[in-house]
Amino acid sequence: MKDFTVLITAVLLFLFCRVADGALSTLIESGEEECYAVRAPPGATSMISGSFDCLDDELEPDPVGVILYDKQMKPVWRSKSGASEGSFQLHGSGRHELCIQNGSLGSDDYFAPKDGEDREIGFSIRVTPQTRGTENNEAGPDNRLVTNLMKMSDQLIAGLDTMTDHQEYMRERENRHMLLTATTFNRVAQW
């Protein structure tokens, strides 16, 4: 039992001490909301970026809402109503929460009607430190040009990360379908 407690503590420390980076998928039951805490380093501005995708193509995305809150629990980004996918990119520091709703009342009084269908949502979130040279505190045409190039490269990298995340969602979906197909084939072959 003591070893299990130590293992759980080690896993929790690992999860809370590393910078957020990656793509996940979760099943959100009808009428429910799941929130994930994201910690950007305090005292320094970081780039917080992410995306979401409704993985159930046969279901309407209308009741799904994704909202990013800042440390005061004020919405800093919200998905468009009826959108099946979306992405965000903003600068911030401290604690943020990414909340995914499936027809539920959120803390920002956004309401989407429940339809009784559970939905699988793929999402990603990344926290990266601000690139050196984008502070824009030096004057001069060359420095402004370098600053603009650095900001554009950050946006390009965030776009490539979003595309990579969507590919991960698609691989996950393909793996699920392949497993279902193999199970069905084995049952038919045994029959």
N, C-alpha and C. Protein backbone atom coordinates (compact mmCIF):
# COMPACT_ATOMS: atom_id res chain seq x y z
N MET A 1 0.82 -1.19 0.00
CA MET A 1 0.00 0.00 0.00
C MET A 1 0.87 1.26 0.00
N LYS A 2 1.96 1.22 0.76
CA LYS A 2 2.85 2.38 0.82
C LYS A 2 3.49 2.63 -0.54
N ASP A 3 3.86 1.56 -1.26
CA ASP A 3 4.45 1.70 -2.59
C ASP A 3 3.45 2.33 -3.56
N PHE A 4 2.19 1.95 -3.43
CA PHE A 4 1.15 2.51 -4.29
C PHE A 4 1.00 4.01 -4.04
N THR A 5 1.03 4.42 -2.77
CA THR A 5 0.92 5.84 -2.42
C THR A 5 2.10 6.62 -2.98
N VAL A 6 3.29 6.06 -2.87
CA VAL A 6 4.49 6.71 -3.41
C VAL A 6 4.38 6.84 -4.93
N LEU A 7 3.89 5.79 -5.59
CA LEU A 7 3.73 5.82 -7.04
C LEU A 7 2.73 6.90 -7.45
N ILE A 8 1.60 6.96 -6.78
CA ILE A 8 0.59 7.98 -7.09
C ILE A 8 1.16 9.38 -6.87
N THR A 9 1.88 9.58 -5.78
CA THR A 9 2.49 10.88 -5.51
C THR A 9 3.49 11.26 -6.60
N ALA A 10 4.30 10.30 -7.04
CA ALA A 10 5.29 10.56 -8.09
C ALA A 10 4.60 10.94 -9.40
N VAL A 11 3.53 10.23 -9.75
CA VAL A 11 2.80 10.52 -10.98
C VAL A 11 2.18 11.92 -10.90
N LEU A 12 1.57 12.26 -9.77
CA LEU A 12 0.96 13.58 -9.62
C LEU A 12 2.01 14.69 -9.69
N LEU A 13 3.16 14.48 -9.06
CA LEU A 13 4.23 15.48 -9.15
C LEU A 13 4.69 15.66 -10.59
N PHE A 14 4.82 14.53 -11.32
CA PHE A 14 5.23 14.61 -12.72
C PHE A 14 4.21 15.39 -13.55
N LEU A 15 2.94 15.11 -13.31
CA LEU A 15 1.89 15.77 -14.08
C LEU A 15 1.80 17.26 -13.78
N PHE A 16 2.02 17.64 -12.54
CA PHE A 16 1.85 19.05 -12.18
C PHE A 16 3.12 19.88 -12.36
N CYS A 17 4.26 19.26 -12.52
CA CYS A 17 5.51 20.01 -12.62
C CYS A 17 5.96 20.24 -14.05
N ARG A 18 5.41 19.55 -15.00
CA ARG A 18 5.88 19.73 -16.37
C ARG A 18 5.02 20.75 -17.10
N VAL A 19 5.58 21.30 -18.15
CA VAL A 19 4.86 22.25 -18.99
C VAL A 19 3.83 21.48 -19.79
N ALA A 20 2.64 22.04 -19.90
CA ALA A 20 1.56 21.37 -20.62
C ALA A 20 1.89 21.27 -22.09
N ASP A 21 1.71 20.09 -22.66
CA ASP A 21 2.00 19.89 -24.07
C ASP A 21 1.43 18.55 -24.48
N GLY A 22 0.50 18.54 -25.40
CA GLY A 22 0.02 17.27 -25.90
C GLY A 22 -1.42 17.30 -26.32
N ALA A 23 -1.83 16.20 -26.94
CA ALA A 23 -3.19 16.04 -27.43
C ALA A 23 -3.84 14.89 -26.68
N LEU A 24 -5.08 15.09 -26.28
CA LEU A 24 -5.84 14.09 -25.54
C LEU A 24 -7.23 13.99 -26.15
N SER A 25 -7.94 12.95 -25.79
CA SER A 25 -9.36 12.88 -26.14
C SER A 25 -10.11 12.37 -24.92
N THR A 26 -11.34 12.83 -24.78
CA THR A 26 -12.15 12.45 -23.64
C THR A 26 -13.61 12.32 -24.06
N LEU A 27 -14.33 11.48 -23.37
CA LEU A 27 -15.77 11.30 -23.61
C LEU A 27 -16.52 12.18 -22.63
N ILE A 28 -17.27 13.13 -23.15
CA ILE A 28 -18.05 14.05 -22.31
C ILE A 28 -19.51 13.59 -22.38
N GLU A 29 -20.05 13.22 -21.24
CA GLU A 29 -21.44 12.77 -21.19
C GLU A 29 -22.38 13.95 -21.42
N SER A 30 -23.57 13.65 -21.89
CA SER A 30 -24.56 14.68 -22.16
C SER A 30 -24.89 15.43 -20.88
N GLY A 31 -24.87 16.76 -20.98
CA GLY A 31 -25.18 17.59 -19.83
C GLY A 31 -24.03 17.79 -18.87
N GLU A 32 -22.85 17.34 -19.23
CA GLU A 32 -21.69 17.44 -18.33
C GLU A 32 -20.67 18.43 -18.86
N GLU A 33 -19.74 18.79 -17.99
CA GLU A 33 -18.64 19.69 -18.32
C GLU A 33 -17.39 19.15 -17.64
N GLU A 34 -16.29 19.12 -18.36
CA GLU A 34 -15.00 18.72 -17.80
C GLU A 34 -14.04 19.88 -17.96
N CYS A 35 -13.30 20.15 -16.89
CA CYS A 35 -12.33 21.24 -16.92
C CYS A 35 -10.94 20.71 -16.62
N TYR A 36 -9.96 21.29 -17.28
CA TYR A 36 -8.57 20.90 -17.12
C TYR A 36 -7.76 22.13 -16.76
N ALA A 37 -7.01 22.04 -15.66
CA ALA A 37 -6.19 23.17 -15.22
C ALA A 37 -4.89 23.19 -16.01
N VAL A 38 -4.49 24.38 -16.38
CA VAL A 38 -3.24 24.60 -17.12
C VAL A 38 -2.47 25.66 -16.35
N ARG A 39 -1.21 25.40 -16.09
CA ARG A 39 -0.40 26.36 -15.35
C ARG A 39 0.72 26.89 -16.23
N ALA A 40 0.64 28.17 -16.52
CA ALA A 40 1.73 28.85 -17.20
C ALA A 40 2.64 29.42 -16.12
N PRO A 41 3.93 29.49 -16.36
CA PRO A 41 4.82 30.02 -15.32
C PRO A 41 4.38 31.41 -14.86
N PRO A 42 4.26 31.62 -13.54
CA PRO A 42 3.85 32.94 -13.05
C PRO A 42 4.97 33.96 -13.21
N GLY A 43 4.59 35.19 -13.41
CA GLY A 43 5.56 36.26 -13.50
C GLY A 43 6.20 36.44 -14.87
N ALA A 44 5.95 35.54 -15.78
CA ALA A 44 6.49 35.65 -17.14
C ALA A 44 5.38 35.32 -18.13
N THR A 45 5.32 36.06 -19.19
CA THR A 45 4.29 35.82 -20.20
C THR A 45 4.66 34.60 -21.04
N SER A 46 3.71 33.73 -21.22
CA SER A 46 3.90 32.52 -22.03
C SER A 46 2.85 32.49 -23.13
N MET A 47 3.13 31.72 -24.17
CA MET A 47 2.15 31.50 -25.24
C MET A 47 1.32 30.29 -24.83
N ILE A 48 0.00 30.48 -24.73
CA ILE A 48 -0.93 29.40 -24.42
C ILE A 48 -1.72 29.16 -25.69
N SER A 49 -1.58 27.97 -26.24
CA SER A 49 -2.28 27.66 -27.48
C SER A 49 -2.90 26.28 -27.37
N GLY A 50 -3.90 26.04 -28.19
CA GLY A 50 -4.56 24.74 -28.17
C GLY A 50 -5.64 24.66 -29.23
N SER A 51 -6.27 23.50 -29.26
CA SER A 51 -7.34 23.28 -30.23
C SER A 51 -8.27 22.20 -29.70
N PHE A 52 -9.42 22.07 -30.36
CA PHE A 52 -10.35 20.98 -30.04
C PHE A 52 -10.99 20.50 -31.33
N ASP A 53 -11.51 19.27 -31.29
CA ASP A 53 -12.17 18.69 -32.44
C ASP A 53 -13.19 17.68 -31.94
N CYS A 54 -14.43 17.79 -32.40
CA CYS A 54 -15.46 16.80 -32.08
C CYS A 54 -15.20 15.56 -32.93
N LEU A 55 -14.88 14.45 -32.28
CA LEU A 55 -14.47 13.25 -33.02
C LEU A 55 -15.64 12.42 -33.51
N ASP A 56 -16.84 12.69 -33.04
CA ASP A 56 -18.03 11.96 -33.49
C ASP A 56 -18.64 12.70 -34.66
N ASP A 57 -18.25 12.34 -35.88
CA ASP A 57 -18.72 13.05 -37.07
C ASP A 57 -20.21 12.90 -37.30
N GLU A 58 -20.79 11.80 -36.82
CA GLU A 58 -22.21 11.56 -37.08
C GLU A 58 -23.12 12.38 -36.17
N LEU A 59 -22.56 13.01 -35.13
CA LEU A 59 -23.36 13.82 -34.21
C LEU A 59 -23.17 15.30 -34.50
N GLU A 60 -24.24 16.06 -34.31
CA GLU A 60 -24.17 17.51 -34.47
C GLU A 60 -23.32 18.12 -33.36
N PRO A 61 -22.49 19.10 -33.67
CA PRO A 61 -21.64 19.71 -32.63
C PRO A 61 -22.32 20.83 -31.85
N ASP A 62 -23.61 21.08 -32.09
CA ASP A 62 -24.29 22.23 -31.49
C ASP A 62 -24.16 22.31 -29.96
N PRO A 63 -24.35 21.22 -29.21
CA PRO A 63 -24.30 21.41 -27.75
C PRO A 63 -22.88 21.52 -27.17
N VAL A 64 -21.86 21.39 -28.00
CA VAL A 64 -20.48 21.42 -27.50
C VAL A 64 -19.98 22.85 -27.40
N GLY A 65 -19.37 23.17 -26.29
CA GLY A 65 -18.75 24.47 -26.09
C GLY A 65 -17.42 24.29 -25.39
N VAL A 66 -16.41 25.00 -25.83
CA VAL A 66 -15.08 24.94 -25.22
C VAL A 66 -14.71 26.36 -24.82
N ILE A 67 -14.29 26.52 -23.57
CA ILE A 67 -14.00 27.85 -23.04
C ILE A 67 -12.68 27.79 -22.27
N LEU A 68 -11.84 28.81 -22.46
CA LEU A 68 -10.60 28.94 -21.70
C LEU A 68 -10.78 30.11 -20.74
N TYR A 69 -10.57 29.84 -19.45
CA TYR A 69 -10.70 30.86 -18.41
C TYR A 69 -9.32 31.27 -17.90
N ASP A 70 -9.19 32.53 -17.48
CA ASP A 70 -7.94 32.96 -16.86
C ASP A 70 -8.01 32.71 -15.35
N LYS A 71 -7.01 33.21 -14.61
CA LYS A 71 -6.95 32.94 -13.18
C LYS A 71 -8.09 33.57 -12.39
N GLN A 72 -8.75 34.61 -12.93
CA GLN A 72 -9.91 35.20 -12.28
C GLN A 72 -11.22 34.53 -12.74
N MET A 73 -11.10 33.44 -13.49
CA MET A 73 -12.24 32.70 -14.03
C MET A 73 -13.07 33.54 -14.99
N LYS A 74 -12.41 34.44 -15.71
CA LYS A 74 -13.05 35.21 -16.78
C LYS A 74 -12.72 34.52 -18.10
N PRO A 75 -13.71 34.35 -18.97
CA PRO A 75 -13.43 33.71 -20.26
C PRO A 75 -12.49 34.57 -21.10
N VAL A 76 -11.38 33.98 -21.55
CA VAL A 76 -10.45 34.69 -22.43
C VAL A 76 -10.55 34.18 -23.86
N TRP A 77 -11.18 33.01 -24.04
CA TRP A 77 -11.44 32.48 -25.37
C TRP A 77 -12.64 31.55 -25.28
N ARG A 78 -13.47 31.59 -26.31
CA ARG A 78 -14.67 30.75 -26.36
C ARG A 78 -14.83 30.22 -27.78
N SER A 79 -15.20 28.96 -27.91
CA SER A 79 -15.45 28.40 -29.24
C SER A 79 -16.72 29.02 -29.82
N LYS A 80 -16.78 29.03 -31.13
CA LYS A 80 -17.98 29.56 -31.80
C LYS A 80 -19.12 28.56 -31.62
N SER A 81 -20.31 29.08 -31.51
CA SER A 81 -21.49 28.23 -31.34
C SER A 81 -21.66 27.33 -32.57
N GLY A 82 -21.83 26.04 -32.33
CA GLY A 82 -22.04 25.09 -33.42
C GLY A 82 -20.77 24.65 -34.13
N ALA A 83 -19.60 25.09 -33.66
CA ALA A 83 -18.34 24.71 -34.31
C ALA A 83 -17.92 23.30 -33.89
N SER A 84 -17.49 22.50 -34.85
CA SER A 84 -17.03 21.15 -34.54
C SER A 84 -15.54 21.13 -34.23
N GLU A 85 -14.84 22.22 -34.53
CA GLU A 85 -13.43 22.32 -34.21
C GLU A 85 -13.06 23.79 -34.07
N GLY A 86 -11.94 24.01 -33.41
CA GLY A 86 -11.47 25.38 -33.23
C GLY A 86 -10.09 25.38 -32.60
N SER A 87 -9.43 26.52 -32.65
CA SER A 87 -8.12 26.65 -32.04
C SER A 87 -7.96 28.04 -31.46
N PHE A 88 -7.04 28.17 -30.53
CA PHE A 88 -6.79 29.46 -29.89
C PHE A 88 -5.30 29.64 -29.66
N GLN A 89 -4.93 30.89 -29.49
CA GLN A 89 -3.54 31.25 -29.23
C GLN A 89 -3.55 32.59 -28.52
N LEU A 90 -3.01 32.65 -27.31
CA LEU A 90 -2.98 33.89 -26.56
C LEU A 90 -1.78 33.90 -25.63
N HIS A 91 -1.47 35.08 -25.12
CA HIS A 91 -0.38 35.24 -24.17
C HIS A 91 -0.97 35.39 -22.78
N GLY A 92 -0.33 34.75 -21.79
CA GLY A 92 -0.81 34.85 -20.42
C GLY A 92 0.18 34.24 -19.45
N SER A 93 -0.17 34.32 -18.19
CA SER A 93 0.65 33.72 -17.15
C SER A 93 -0.27 33.23 -16.04
N GLY A 94 0.23 32.33 -15.22
CA GLY A 94 -0.55 31.82 -14.11
C GLY A 94 -1.49 30.70 -14.52
N ARG A 95 -2.48 30.45 -13.67
CA ARG A 95 -3.40 29.33 -13.86
C ARG A 95 -4.50 29.68 -14.84
N HIS A 96 -4.81 28.74 -15.73
CA HIS A 96 -5.93 28.85 -16.66
C HIS A 96 -6.71 27.54 -16.59
N GLU A 97 -7.95 27.57 -17.00
CA GLU A 97 -8.77 26.35 -17.07
C GLU A 97 -9.39 26.24 -18.45
N LEU A 98 -9.25 25.05 -19.04
CA LEU A 98 -9.90 24.74 -20.30
C LEU A 98 -11.10 23.86 -19.98
N CYS A 99 -12.30 24.35 -20.26
CA CYS A 99 -13.53 23.63 -19.93
C CYS A 99 -14.24 23.21 -21.22
N ILE A 100 -14.65 21.95 -21.25
CA ILE A 100 -15.36 21.39 -22.40
C ILE A 100 -16.75 21.01 -21.93
N GLN A 101 -17.76 21.57 -22.58
CA GLN A 101 -19.15 21.36 -22.18
C GLN A 101 -19.89 20.59 -23.27
N ASN A 102 -20.76 19.70 -22.83
CA ASN A 102 -21.64 18.98 -23.75
C ASN A 102 -23.07 19.25 -23.30
N GLY A 103 -23.58 20.40 -23.68
CA GLY A 103 -24.95 20.76 -23.31
C GLY A 103 -25.11 21.01 -21.84
N SER A 104 -24.25 21.84 -21.27
CA SER A 104 -24.36 22.11 -19.85
C SER A 104 -24.25 23.59 -19.58
N LEU A 105 -24.66 23.98 -18.39
CA LEU A 105 -24.57 25.35 -17.96
C LEU A 105 -23.20 25.57 -17.36
N GLY A 106 -22.41 26.47 -17.92
CA GLY A 106 -21.08 26.74 -17.42
C GLY A 106 -21.09 27.91 -16.46
N SER A 107 -19.93 28.17 -15.86
CA SER A 107 -19.83 29.25 -14.89
C SER A 107 -19.92 30.62 -15.55
N ASP A 108 -19.90 30.66 -16.87
CA ASP A 108 -20.03 31.95 -17.56
C ASP A 108 -21.45 32.14 -18.10
N ASP A 109 -22.39 31.33 -17.64
CA ASP A 109 -23.80 31.40 -18.01
C ASP A 109 -24.06 31.13 -19.49
N TYR A 110 -23.17 30.40 -20.13
CA TYR A 110 -23.38 29.96 -21.51
C TYR A 110 -24.17 28.66 -21.44
N PHE A 111 -25.27 28.59 -22.15
CA PHE A 111 -26.11 27.40 -22.08
C PHE A 111 -26.33 26.83 -23.46
N ALA A 112 -26.08 25.54 -23.59
CA ALA A 112 -26.39 24.82 -24.82
C ALA A 112 -27.35 23.69 -24.45
N PRO A 113 -28.37 23.46 -25.25
CA PRO A 113 -29.35 22.43 -24.89
C PRO A 113 -28.75 21.03 -24.94
N LYS A 114 -29.18 20.18 -24.00
CA LYS A 114 -28.75 18.79 -23.97
C LYS A 114 -29.53 18.00 -25.01
N ASP A 115 -28.86 17.03 -25.66
CA ASP A 115 -29.57 16.18 -26.61
C ASP A 115 -29.48 14.70 -26.23
N GLY A 116 -28.89 14.39 -25.08
CA GLY A 116 -28.81 13.01 -24.62
C GLY A 116 -27.68 12.19 -25.22
N GLU A 117 -26.85 12.79 -26.05
CA GLU A 117 -25.75 12.08 -26.72
C GLU A 117 -24.41 12.41 -26.06
N ASP A 118 -23.66 11.36 -25.73
CA ASP A 118 -22.29 11.55 -25.25
C ASP A 118 -21.41 11.84 -26.46
N ARG A 119 -20.39 12.66 -26.27
CA ARG A 119 -19.51 13.04 -27.39
C ARG A 119 -18.06 12.86 -27.00
N GLU A 120 -17.28 12.37 -27.95
CA GLU A 120 -15.84 12.28 -27.75
C GLU A 120 -15.21 13.54 -28.35
N ILE A 121 -14.42 14.21 -27.52
CA ILE A 121 -13.78 15.46 -27.92
C ILE A 121 -12.28 15.29 -27.82
N GLY A 122 -11.59 15.57 -28.91
CA GLY A 122 -10.13 15.60 -28.89
C GLY A 122 -9.71 17.03 -28.63
N PHE A 123 -8.71 17.22 -27.79
CA PHE A 123 -8.26 18.57 -27.51
C PHE A 123 -6.77 18.56 -27.20
N SER A 124 -6.18 19.72 -27.35
CA SER A 124 -4.77 19.87 -27.01
C SER A 124 -4.57 21.22 -26.36
N ILE A 125 -3.51 21.30 -25.59
CA ILE A 125 -3.15 22.59 -25.00
C ILE A 125 -1.64 22.60 -24.83
N ARG A 126 -1.05 23.72 -25.15
CA ARG A 126 0.39 23.88 -25.06
C ARG A 126 0.70 25.18 -24.34
N VAL A 127 1.71 25.13 -23.49
CA VAL A 127 2.22 26.33 -22.83
C VAL A 127 3.69 26.40 -23.16
N THR A 128 4.08 27.45 -23.85
CA THR A 128 5.49 27.63 -24.21
C THR A 128 5.95 29.01 -23.78
N PRO A 129 7.19 29.11 -23.32
CA PRO A 129 7.67 30.43 -22.91
C PRO A 129 7.75 31.37 -24.11
N GLN A 130 7.63 32.66 -23.83
CA GLN A 130 7.70 33.65 -24.89
C GLN A 130 9.09 33.62 -25.52
N THR A 131 9.13 33.69 -26.83
CA THR A 131 10.38 33.65 -27.56
C THR A 131 11.19 34.90 -27.27
N ARG A 132 12.47 34.70 -27.02
CA ARG A 132 13.35 35.84 -26.77
C ARG A 132 13.40 36.71 -28.03
N GLY A 133 13.30 38.00 -27.85
CA GLY A 133 13.34 38.91 -28.99
C GLY A 133 11.98 39.42 -29.40
N THR A 134 10.90 38.93 -28.75
CA THR A 134 9.56 39.40 -29.12
C THR A 134 9.03 40.44 -28.13
N GLU A 135 9.88 40.91 -27.23
CA GLU A 135 9.44 41.88 -26.23
C GLU A 135 9.19 43.25 -26.84
N ASN A 136 9.84 43.55 -27.95
CA ASN A 136 9.64 44.81 -28.67
C ASN A 136 10.01 46.03 -27.82
N ASN A 137 11.12 45.91 -27.04
CA ASN A 137 11.52 47.04 -26.20
C ASN A 137 12.73 47.79 -26.75
N GLU A 138 13.16 47.45 -27.95
CA GLU A 138 14.25 48.17 -28.59
C GLU A 138 13.72 48.86 -29.85
N ALA A 139 14.19 50.07 -30.09
CA ALA A 139 13.74 50.82 -31.25
C ALA A 139 14.66 50.53 -32.44
N GLY A 140 14.19 50.90 -33.59
CA GLY A 140 14.99 50.73 -34.80
C GLY A 140 14.31 49.80 -35.78
N PRO A 141 14.49 50.06 -37.08
CA PRO A 141 13.78 49.26 -38.08
C PRO A 141 14.22 47.80 -38.08
N ASP A 142 15.51 47.52 -37.88
CA ASP A 142 15.97 46.14 -37.89
C ASP A 142 15.41 45.36 -36.71
N ASN A 143 15.36 45.98 -35.55
CA ASN A 143 14.82 45.30 -34.37
C ASN A 143 13.32 45.05 -34.51
N ARG A 144 12.60 46.00 -35.10
CA ARG A 144 11.16 45.79 -35.33
C ARG A 144 10.95 44.65 -36.32
N LEU A 145 11.78 44.59 -37.36
CA LEU A 145 11.66 43.53 -38.35
C LEU A 145 11.92 42.16 -37.72
N VAL A 146 12.96 42.07 -36.91
CA VAL A 146 13.27 40.81 -36.23
C VAL A 146 12.14 40.42 -35.29
N THR A 147 11.60 41.40 -34.56
CA THR A 147 10.48 41.13 -33.65
C THR A 147 9.28 40.59 -34.42
N ASN A 148 8.95 41.21 -35.53
CA ASN A 148 7.82 40.75 -36.35
C ASN A 148 8.07 39.35 -36.90
N LEU A 149 9.29 39.07 -37.34
CA LEU A 149 9.63 37.74 -37.85
C LEU A 149 9.51 36.69 -36.75
N MET A 150 9.95 37.02 -35.55
CA MET A 150 9.86 36.08 -34.43
C MET A 150 8.39 35.79 -34.08
N LYS A 151 7.56 36.82 -34.09
CA LYS A 151 6.14 36.62 -33.80
C LYS A 151 5.49 35.78 -34.88
N MET A 152 5.84 36.02 -36.14
CA MET A 152 5.27 35.23 -37.24
C MET A 152 5.73 33.78 -37.14
N SER A 153 6.98 33.55 -36.77
CA SER A 153 7.45 32.18 -36.63
C SER A 153 6.75 31.47 -35.48
N ASP A 154 6.46 32.18 -34.39
CA ASP A 154 5.70 31.59 -33.29
C ASP A 154 4.30 31.18 -33.75
N GLN A 155 3.67 32.02 -34.57
CA GLN A 155 2.34 31.69 -35.09
C GLN A 155 2.40 30.49 -36.03
N LEU A 156 3.44 30.41 -36.84
CA LEU A 156 3.60 29.28 -37.74
C LEU A 156 3.80 27.99 -36.96
N ILE A 157 4.62 28.03 -35.93
CA ILE A 157 4.86 26.84 -35.11
C ILE A 157 3.57 26.41 -34.40
N ALA A 158 2.80 27.38 -33.89
CA ALA A 158 1.53 27.05 -33.26
C ALA A 158 0.58 26.41 -34.26
N GLY A 159 0.54 26.90 -35.50
CA GLY A 159 -0.30 26.29 -36.54
C GLY A 159 0.14 24.88 -36.87
N LEU A 160 1.43 24.64 -36.94
CA LEU A 160 1.94 23.29 -37.20
C LEU A 160 1.62 22.35 -36.04
N ASP A 161 1.71 22.86 -34.80
CA ASP A 161 1.33 22.05 -33.64
C ASP A 161 -0.15 21.68 -33.70
N THR A 162 -0.99 22.62 -34.11
CA THR A 162 -2.42 22.34 -34.23
C THR A 162 -2.66 21.26 -35.29
N MET A 163 -1.97 21.34 -36.41
CA MET A 163 -2.12 20.32 -37.45
C MET A 163 -1.65 18.96 -36.93
N THR A 164 -0.55 18.93 -36.20
CA THR A 164 -0.04 17.67 -35.63
C THR A 164 -1.06 17.09 -34.66
N ASP A 165 -1.69 17.95 -33.84
CA ASP A 165 -2.70 17.47 -32.90
C ASP A 165 -3.88 16.86 -33.64
N HIS A 166 -4.33 17.49 -34.72
CA HIS A 166 -5.44 16.93 -35.50
C HIS A 166 -5.06 15.58 -36.09
N GLN A 167 -3.82 15.43 -36.51
CA GLN A 167 -3.38 14.13 -37.02
C GLN A 167 -3.39 13.08 -35.90
N GLU A 168 -3.02 13.48 -34.69
CA GLU A 168 -3.09 12.54 -33.56
C GLU A 168 -4.52 12.13 -33.28
N TYR A 169 -5.48 13.08 -33.35
CA TYR A 169 -6.89 12.73 -33.17
C TYR A 169 -7.31 11.71 -34.22
N MET A 170 -6.90 11.96 -35.47
CA MET A 170 -7.29 11.06 -36.56
C MET A 170 -6.67 9.67 -36.38
N ARG A 171 -5.42 9.61 -35.93
CA ARG A 171 -4.80 8.30 -35.66
C ARG A 171 -5.55 7.56 -34.57
N GLU A 172 -5.94 8.28 -33.52
CA GLU A 172 -6.70 7.68 -32.43
C GLU A 172 -8.03 7.13 -32.95
N ARG A 173 -8.70 7.91 -33.77
CA ARG A 173 -9.97 7.47 -34.35
C ARG A 173 -9.77 6.24 -35.23
N GLU A 174 -8.72 6.27 -36.06
CA GLU A 174 -8.44 5.13 -36.93
C GLU A 174 -8.14 3.88 -36.11
N ASN A 175 -7.37 4.03 -35.03
CA ASN A 175 -7.07 2.87 -34.18
C ASN A 175 -8.33 2.29 -33.57
N ARG A 176 -9.26 3.15 -33.13
CA ARG A 176 -10.52 2.66 -32.57
C ARG A 176 -11.33 1.90 -33.61
N HIS A 177 -11.38 2.44 -34.84
CA HIS A 177 -12.14 1.78 -35.91
C HIS A 177 -11.48 0.46 -36.31
N MET A 178 -10.16 0.43 -36.34
CA MET A 178 -9.47 -0.82 -36.68
C MET A 178 -9.73 -1.89 -35.62
N LEU A 179 -9.73 -1.50 -34.35
CA LEU A 179 -10.01 -2.44 -33.27
C LEU A 179 -11.44 -2.97 -33.38
N LEU A 180 -12.38 -2.10 -33.67
CA LEU A 180 -13.78 -2.52 -33.83
C LEU A 180 -13.93 -3.46 -35.02
N THR A 181 -13.26 -3.13 -36.13
CA THR A 181 -13.32 -3.99 -37.32
C THR A 181 -12.72 -5.35 -37.05
N ALA A 182 -11.57 -5.39 -36.37
CA ALA A 182 -10.92 -6.67 -36.05
C ALA A 182 -11.78 -7.50 -35.11
N THR A 183 -12.41 -6.86 -34.13
CA THR A 183 -13.29 -7.58 -33.21
C THR A 183 -14.49 -8.14 -33.95
N THR A 184 -15.10 -7.35 -34.81
CA THR A 184 -16.24 -7.80 -35.59
C THR A 184 -15.85 -8.96 -36.50
N PHE A 185 -14.70 -8.84 -37.18
CA PHE A 185 -14.24 -9.91 -38.06
C PHE A 185 -14.01 -11.20 -37.29
N ASN A 186 -13.38 -11.11 -36.10
CA ASN A 186 -13.13 -12.31 -35.30
C ASN A 186 -14.43 -12.96 -34.86
N ARG A 187 -15.42 -12.17 -34.49
CA ARG A 187 -16.72 -12.73 -34.08
C ARG A 187 -17.41 -13.43 -35.26
N VAL A 188 -17.35 -12.81 -36.44
CA VAL A 188 -17.95 -13.43 -37.63
C VAL A 188 -17.22 -14.71 -37.97
N ALA A 189 -15.88 -14.69 -37.90
CA ALA A 189 -15.09 -15.88 -38.23
C ALA A 189 -15.36 -17.00 -37.25
N GLN A 190 -15.56 -16.70 -35.96
CA GLN A 190 -15.86 -17.72 -34.96
C GLN A 190 -17.26 -18.26 -35.12
N TRP A 191 -18.16 -17.46 -35.63
CA TRP A 191 -19.55 -17.86 -35.78
C TRP A 191 -19.64 -18.89 -36.88
